[in-house]
Amino acid sequence: MLRADSAQVDWDQHKKQWLVHVKIGEEVIRRPLSKTPQTAGEDVLRSLAVETAKADGYDVDPAKVSVAR
């Protein structure tokens, strides 16, 4: 499994869903968290970001996951 540099979770106002941005070097992979409510807590969003990255074959440190509200 490849190590990701960082990840960010933010709310997309237009699509009304959370998006995970996983950064690996210069590459950024974006994945939606379609069934996660806008009111989800930061710990839940961090955990989902780590799971999403793992599903794509990347390992990301939960401490390097930021949540932008």
N, C-alpha and C. Protein backbone atom coordinates (compact mmCIF):
# COMPACT_ATOMS: atom_id res chain seq x y z
N MET A 1 0.85 -1.18 0.00
CA MET A 1 0.00 0.00 0.00
C MET A 1 0.90 1.24 0.00
N LEU A 2 0.58 2.19 -0.85
CA LEU A 2 1.33 3.43 -0.95
C LEU A 2 0.92 4.41 0.14
N ARG A 3 1.86 5.21 0.60
CA ARG A 3 1.60 6.20 1.65
C ARG A 3 1.17 7.52 1.02
N ALA A 4 0.01 8.02 1.42
CA ALA A 4 -0.48 9.32 0.96
C ALA A 4 0.13 10.40 1.84
N ASP A 5 0.36 11.58 1.25
CA ASP A 5 0.93 12.70 1.99
C ASP A 5 -0.06 13.27 3.00
N SER A 6 -1.29 13.45 2.57
CA SER A 6 -2.32 14.03 3.44
C SER A 6 -3.69 13.81 2.81
N ALA A 7 -4.70 14.22 3.55
CA ALA A 7 -6.07 14.16 3.03
C ALA A 7 -6.85 15.33 3.63
N GLN A 8 -7.85 15.77 2.88
CA GLN A 8 -8.72 16.84 3.35
C GLN A 8 -10.15 16.44 3.06
N VAL A 9 -11.04 16.75 3.98
CA VAL A 9 -12.46 16.49 3.81
C VAL A 9 -13.16 17.85 3.84
N ASP A 10 -13.97 18.13 2.84
CA ASP A 10 -14.71 19.38 2.84
C ASP A 10 -16.11 19.18 2.27
N TRP A 11 -17.00 20.11 2.62
CA TRP A 11 -18.40 20.05 2.19
C TRP A 11 -18.54 20.74 0.84
N ASP A 12 -19.09 20.03 -0.14
CA ASP A 12 -19.36 20.61 -1.46
C ASP A 12 -20.78 21.16 -1.45
N GLN A 13 -20.90 22.47 -1.47
CA GLN A 13 -22.21 23.13 -1.42
C GLN A 13 -23.08 22.78 -2.61
N HIS A 14 -22.49 22.65 -3.79
CA HIS A 14 -23.28 22.38 -5.01
C HIS A 14 -23.83 20.96 -5.02
N LYS A 15 -23.01 20.00 -4.63
CA LYS A 15 -23.43 18.60 -4.66
C LYS A 15 -24.06 18.14 -3.35
N LYS A 16 -23.98 19.00 -2.32
CA LYS A 16 -24.56 18.69 -1.01
C LYS A 16 -24.03 17.38 -0.44
N GLN A 17 -22.69 17.23 -0.48
CA GLN A 17 -22.05 16.04 0.08
C GLN A 17 -20.60 16.35 0.46
N TRP A 18 -20.06 15.50 1.33
CA TRP A 18 -18.65 15.62 1.71
C TRP A 18 -17.78 15.05 0.61
N LEU A 19 -16.62 15.66 0.40
CA LEU A 19 -15.64 15.16 -0.55
C LEU A 19 -14.31 14.93 0.16
N VAL A 20 -13.66 13.83 -0.18
CA VAL A 20 -12.33 13.53 0.35
C VAL A 20 -11.32 13.81 -0.75
N HIS A 21 -10.28 14.57 -0.42
CA HIS A 21 -9.19 14.87 -1.35
C HIS A 21 -7.94 14.21 -0.76
N VAL A 22 -7.44 13.16 -1.42
CA VAL A 22 -6.24 12.46 -0.96
C VAL A 22 -5.08 12.93 -1.82
N LYS A 23 -4.04 13.46 -1.17
CA LYS A 23 -2.89 13.99 -1.89
C LYS A 23 -1.73 13.01 -1.82
N ILE A 24 -1.23 12.63 -3.01
CA ILE A 24 -0.08 11.75 -3.15
C ILE A 24 0.90 12.47 -4.07
N GLY A 25 1.91 13.09 -3.50
CA GLY A 25 2.82 13.89 -4.32
C GLY A 25 2.06 15.03 -4.96
N GLU A 26 2.13 15.14 -6.27
CA GLU A 26 1.41 16.18 -7.01
C GLU A 26 0.00 15.76 -7.39
N GLU A 27 -0.31 14.49 -7.22
CA GLU A 27 -1.62 13.95 -7.61
C GLU A 27 -2.63 14.11 -6.47
N VAL A 28 -3.86 14.45 -6.83
CA VAL A 28 -4.96 14.55 -5.86
C VAL A 28 -6.12 13.70 -6.36
N ILE A 29 -6.56 12.80 -5.51
CA ILE A 29 -7.69 11.94 -5.83
C ILE A 29 -8.88 12.44 -5.04
N ARG A 30 -10.01 12.67 -5.71
CA ARG A 30 -11.24 13.14 -5.06
C ARG A 30 -12.29 12.04 -5.06
N ARG A 31 -12.87 11.82 -3.89
CA ARG A 31 -13.93 10.82 -3.75
C ARG A 31 -15.06 11.39 -2.90
N PRO A 32 -16.30 11.15 -3.28
CA PRO A 32 -17.45 11.63 -2.49
C PRO A 32 -17.74 10.72 -1.30
N LEU A 33 -18.29 11.29 -0.26
CA LEU A 33 -18.84 10.54 0.87
C LEU A 33 -20.35 10.78 0.81
N SER A 34 -20.99 10.14 -0.13
CA SER A 34 -22.36 10.48 -0.52
C SER A 34 -23.42 10.30 0.56
N LYS A 35 -23.30 9.36 1.46
CA LYS A 35 -24.36 9.13 2.44
C LYS A 35 -24.00 9.63 3.83
N THR A 36 -23.05 10.55 3.90
CA THR A 36 -22.62 11.10 5.18
C THR A 36 -23.32 12.44 5.38
N PRO A 37 -24.03 12.60 6.50
CA PRO A 37 -24.76 13.86 6.73
C PRO A 37 -23.81 15.05 6.94
N GLN A 38 -24.29 16.22 6.63
CA GLN A 38 -23.48 17.44 6.79
C GLN A 38 -23.09 17.65 8.25
N THR A 39 -23.88 17.14 9.17
CA THR A 39 -23.63 17.33 10.60
C THR A 39 -22.66 16.31 11.20
N ALA A 40 -22.06 15.47 10.37
CA ALA A 40 -21.13 14.44 10.87
C ALA A 40 -19.98 15.09 11.62
N GLY A 41 -19.53 14.41 12.67
CA GLY A 41 -18.43 14.91 13.48
C GLY A 41 -17.08 14.75 12.79
N GLU A 42 -16.09 15.49 13.27
CA GLU A 42 -14.76 15.46 12.66
C GLU A 42 -14.11 14.09 12.77
N ASP A 43 -14.30 13.39 13.89
CA ASP A 43 -13.72 12.05 14.05
C ASP A 43 -14.29 11.08 13.02
N VAL A 44 -15.60 11.17 12.80
CA VAL A 44 -16.26 10.31 11.80
C VAL A 44 -15.70 10.61 10.41
N LEU A 45 -15.57 11.90 10.08
CA LEU A 45 -15.08 12.28 8.76
C LEU A 45 -13.63 11.85 8.55
N ARG A 46 -12.81 11.98 9.59
CA ARG A 46 -11.41 11.52 9.49
C ARG A 46 -11.35 10.01 9.23
N SER A 47 -12.16 9.27 9.98
CA SER A 47 -12.20 7.82 9.83
C SER A 47 -12.65 7.43 8.41
N LEU A 48 -13.67 8.10 7.90
CA LEU A 48 -14.15 7.82 6.54
C LEU A 48 -13.10 8.18 5.49
N ALA A 49 -12.34 9.25 5.73
CA ALA A 49 -11.28 9.63 4.79
C ALA A 49 -10.20 8.55 4.74
N VAL A 50 -9.83 8.02 5.90
CA VAL A 50 -8.82 6.96 5.96
C VAL A 50 -9.33 5.71 5.25
N GLU A 51 -10.58 5.35 5.48
CA GLU A 51 -11.18 4.18 4.83
C GLU A 51 -11.25 4.37 3.31
N THR A 52 -11.62 5.56 2.88
CA THR A 52 -11.72 5.86 1.45
C THR A 52 -10.36 5.75 0.78
N ALA A 53 -9.33 6.29 1.43
CA ALA A 53 -7.97 6.20 0.88
C ALA A 53 -7.53 4.74 0.78
N LYS A 54 -7.82 3.95 1.82
CA LYS A 54 -7.44 2.53 1.81
C LYS A 54 -8.13 1.77 0.68
N ALA A 55 -9.38 2.12 0.40
CA ALA A 55 -10.12 1.47 -0.68
C ALA A 55 -9.47 1.72 -2.03
N ASP A 56 -8.74 2.85 -2.14
CA ASP A 56 -8.04 3.16 -3.38
C ASP A 56 -6.58 2.71 -3.35
N GLY A 57 -6.17 2.03 -2.26
CA GLY A 57 -4.82 1.49 -2.18
C GLY A 57 -3.80 2.43 -1.55
N TYR A 58 -4.27 3.41 -0.77
CA TYR A 58 -3.37 4.36 -0.13
C TYR A 58 -3.55 4.33 1.37
N ASP A 59 -2.43 4.50 2.07
CA ASP A 59 -2.44 4.57 3.53
C ASP A 59 -2.22 6.03 3.91
N VAL A 60 -3.12 6.58 4.73
CA VAL A 60 -2.99 7.96 5.17
C VAL A 60 -3.07 8.00 6.70
N ASP A 61 -2.19 8.76 7.31
CA ASP A 61 -2.16 8.93 8.75
C ASP A 61 -3.36 9.77 9.17
N PRO A 62 -4.20 9.29 10.11
CA PRO A 62 -5.37 10.09 10.53
C PRO A 62 -5.00 11.48 11.04
N ALA A 63 -3.79 11.64 11.57
CA ALA A 63 -3.35 12.95 12.05
C ALA A 63 -3.11 13.94 10.90
N LYS A 64 -2.98 13.41 9.69
CA LYS A 64 -2.75 14.25 8.51
C LYS A 64 -4.03 14.48 7.71
N VAL A 65 -5.17 14.19 8.31
CA VAL A 65 -6.46 14.43 7.67
C VAL A 65 -7.06 15.70 8.27
N SER A 66 -7.30 16.68 7.42
CA SER A 66 -7.92 17.92 7.89
C SER A 66 -9.38 17.97 7.44
N VAL A 67 -10.20 18.63 8.26
CA VAL A 67 -11.62 18.77 7.96
C VAL A 67 -11.92 20.26 7.83
N ALA A 68 -12.43 20.65 6.67
CA ALA A 68 -12.80 22.05 6.41
C ALA A 68 -14.32 22.14 6.40
N ARG A 69 -14.84 22.96 7.27
CA ARG A 69 -16.30 23.10 7.35
C ARG A 69 -16.74 24.36 6.65
